[in-house]
Protein backbone atom coordinates (compact mmCIF):
# COMPACT_ATOMS: atom_id res chain seq x y z
CA MET A 1 10.77 -0.12 -79.39
CA ALA A 2 14.01 0.77 -77.18
CA LEU A 3 12.50 4.11 -76.13
CA VAL A 4 9.43 2.13 -74.88
CA GLY A 5 11.65 -0.45 -72.96
CA LEU A 6 13.66 2.30 -71.49
CA VAL A 7 10.38 4.30 -70.26
CA LEU A 8 9.09 0.94 -68.75
CA CYS A 9 12.24 0.24 -67.23
CA ASN A 10 12.37 3.68 -65.67
CA ALA A 11 8.81 3.63 -64.27
CA ALA A 12 9.46 -0.12 -62.99
CA ASP A 13 12.58 1.48 -61.14
CA TYR A 14 10.41 4.28 -60.03
CA LEU A 15 7.65 1.88 -58.44
CA VAL A 16 10.19 -0.24 -57.00
CA GLU A 17 11.59 2.63 -54.99
CA LYS A 18 8.25 3.86 -54.07
CA GLN A 19 7.51 0.32 -52.74
CA GLN A 20 10.78 0.10 -50.92
CA ILE A 21 10.05 3.52 -49.31
CA LEU A 22 6.61 2.25 -48.24
CA VAL A 23 7.83 -1.09 -46.65
CA PHE A 24 10.64 0.88 -44.90
CA LYS A 25 7.96 3.53 -43.47
CA ALA A 26 5.60 0.55 -42.47
CA LEU A 27 8.49 -1.27 -40.73
CA ARG A 28 9.58 1.85 -38.88
CA PHE A 29 5.94 2.40 -37.96
CA HIS A 30 5.52 -1.35 -36.85
CA GLU A 31 8.60 -0.84 -34.56
CA GLN A 32 7.63 2.07 -32.98
CA GLU A 33 4.31 0.68 -32.49
CA ILE A 34 6.02 -2.23 -30.75
CA LYS A 35 8.02 0.07 -28.51
CA THR A 36 4.54 1.80 -27.67
CA TYR A 37 2.97 -1.30 -26.69
CA LYS A 38 6.20 -2.13 -24.59
CA VAL A 39 6.13 1.13 -22.72
CA ARG A 40 2.22 0.76 -22.25
CA TYR A 41 2.88 -2.76 -20.92
CA LYS A 42 5.52 -1.70 -18.58
CA LEU A 43 3.44 1.25 -17.34
CA LEU A 44 0.44 -0.91 -16.74
CA LEU A 45 2.50 -3.88 -15.08
CA THR A 46 4.27 -1.23 -12.66
CA GLY A 47 1.05 0.36 -11.76
CA GLY A 48 -0.67 -2.98 -11.10
CA LEU A 49 2.28 -4.11 -9.01
CA LEU A 50 2.28 -0.78 -7.08
CA LEU A 51 -1.46 -1.12 -6.57
CA LEU A 52 -1.27 -4.66 -5.36
CA LEU A 53 1.86 -3.69 -2.88
CA MET A 54 -0.57 -0.92 -1.48
CA ILE A 55 -3.44 -3.31 -0.76
CA VAL A 56 -1.24 -5.94 0.63
CA GLY A 57 0.48 -3.35 2.81
CA THR A 58 -2.61 -1.77 4.08
CA ILE A 59 -4.00 -5.32 4.93
CA PHE A 60 -0.74 -6.26 6.54
CA LEU A 61 -0.88 -3.29 8.58
CA SER A 62 -4.48 -3.37 9.66
CA ILE A 63 -4.61 -7.34 10.56
CA GLY A 64 -4.66 -7.31 14.47
CA LEU A 65 -4.23 -3.44 15.27
CA PRO A 66 -7.01 -1.27 16.73
CA ALA A 67 -8.87 0.75 14.28
CA SER A 68 -8.04 3.90 16.15
CA ASP A 69 -5.02 5.81 17.44
CA PHE A 70 -3.71 4.68 20.68
CA SER A 71 -1.60 5.78 23.57
CA ALA A 72 1.79 4.40 24.57
CA PRO A 73 0.42 2.68 27.62
CA GLU A 74 -2.30 1.18 25.30
CA PHE A 75 0.30 0.04 22.89
CA ILE A 76 2.42 -1.55 25.67
CA ILE A 77 -0.61 -3.54 26.88
CA TYR A 78 -1.40 -4.67 23.37
CA LYS A 79 2.20 -5.77 22.68
CA LEU A 80 2.45 -7.66 26.08
CA LYS A 81 -0.98 -9.32 25.27
CA GLU A 82 0.20 -9.98 21.64
CA MET A 83 3.41 -11.70 23.28
CA GLY A 84 1.53 -13.70 25.46
CA LYS A 85 3.20 -12.08 28.77
CA ILE A 86 -0.46 -10.97 30.02
CA SER A 87 -3.95 -12.39 29.68
CA GLN A 88 -7.37 -10.51 29.01
CA GLU A 89 -7.86 -11.73 32.71
CA ASP A 90 -4.90 -9.95 33.87
CA ILE A 91 -6.10 -6.70 32.09
CA ALA A 92 -9.71 -6.94 33.66
CA LEU A 93 -8.17 -7.40 37.23
CA VAL A 94 -5.91 -4.26 36.85
CA LEU A 95 -8.91 -2.27 35.35
CA ARG A 96 -11.11 -3.06 38.41
CA GLU A 97 -8.29 -2.20 40.70
CA PHE A 98 -8.12 1.21 39.00
CA GLY A 99 -11.73 1.61 39.11
CA ASP A 100 -11.74 1.03 42.75
CA LEU A 101 -8.82 3.43 43.38
CA HIS A 102 -10.16 5.90 40.79
CA VAL A 103 -12.70 7.80 43.28
CA ASP A 104 -13.41 11.09 41.68
CA GLN A 105 -14.15 9.71 38.15
CA THR A 106 -11.89 11.86 35.99
CA GLY A 107 -10.34 9.00 34.10
CA THR A 108 -7.09 9.60 35.48
CA LEU A 109 -5.57 8.42 38.81
CA SER A 110 -4.37 11.01 40.76
CA ALA A 111 -2.29 11.25 44.32
CA SER A 112 -5.73 12.28 46.19
CA ASP A 113 -7.45 9.13 44.41
CA ILE A 114 -4.75 6.99 46.04
CA LYS A 115 -4.85 8.75 49.44
CA LEU A 116 -8.79 8.37 49.51
CA ALA A 117 -8.28 4.89 48.63
CA GLN A 118 -5.75 4.05 51.24
CA SER A 119 -7.82 5.87 53.73
CA SER A 120 -10.77 3.92 53.31
CA LEU A 121 -8.80 0.63 53.36
CA GLU A 122 -7.41 1.77 56.69
CA GLU A 123 -11.00 2.63 57.90
CA ASN A 124 -12.15 -0.97 57.04
């Protein structure tokens, strides 16, 4: 009888040790799973925030700016108009004057264009 009790006691101890090992393994696995979820959450949150900042930055930069590249004089005109220093009518008036002086239709105003315009004014 004592022998049976000793065997049952050892078997119970063995089962309890195995249960403890399984519980500790499960807890460690659960902790690692939590760490994995934390890392995944941080990654998704950071990626989402980066995407949001890129979208907002793109929208912010594209508002009010021309769609294509522009030269320094065009930028100056744009900024003066934005600051309220000149109006669209002022720009139209200057462009008309440029068209009147711009005789050879090259898209630029040369010294010869100005001389031609001055000579035609003197003739009138």
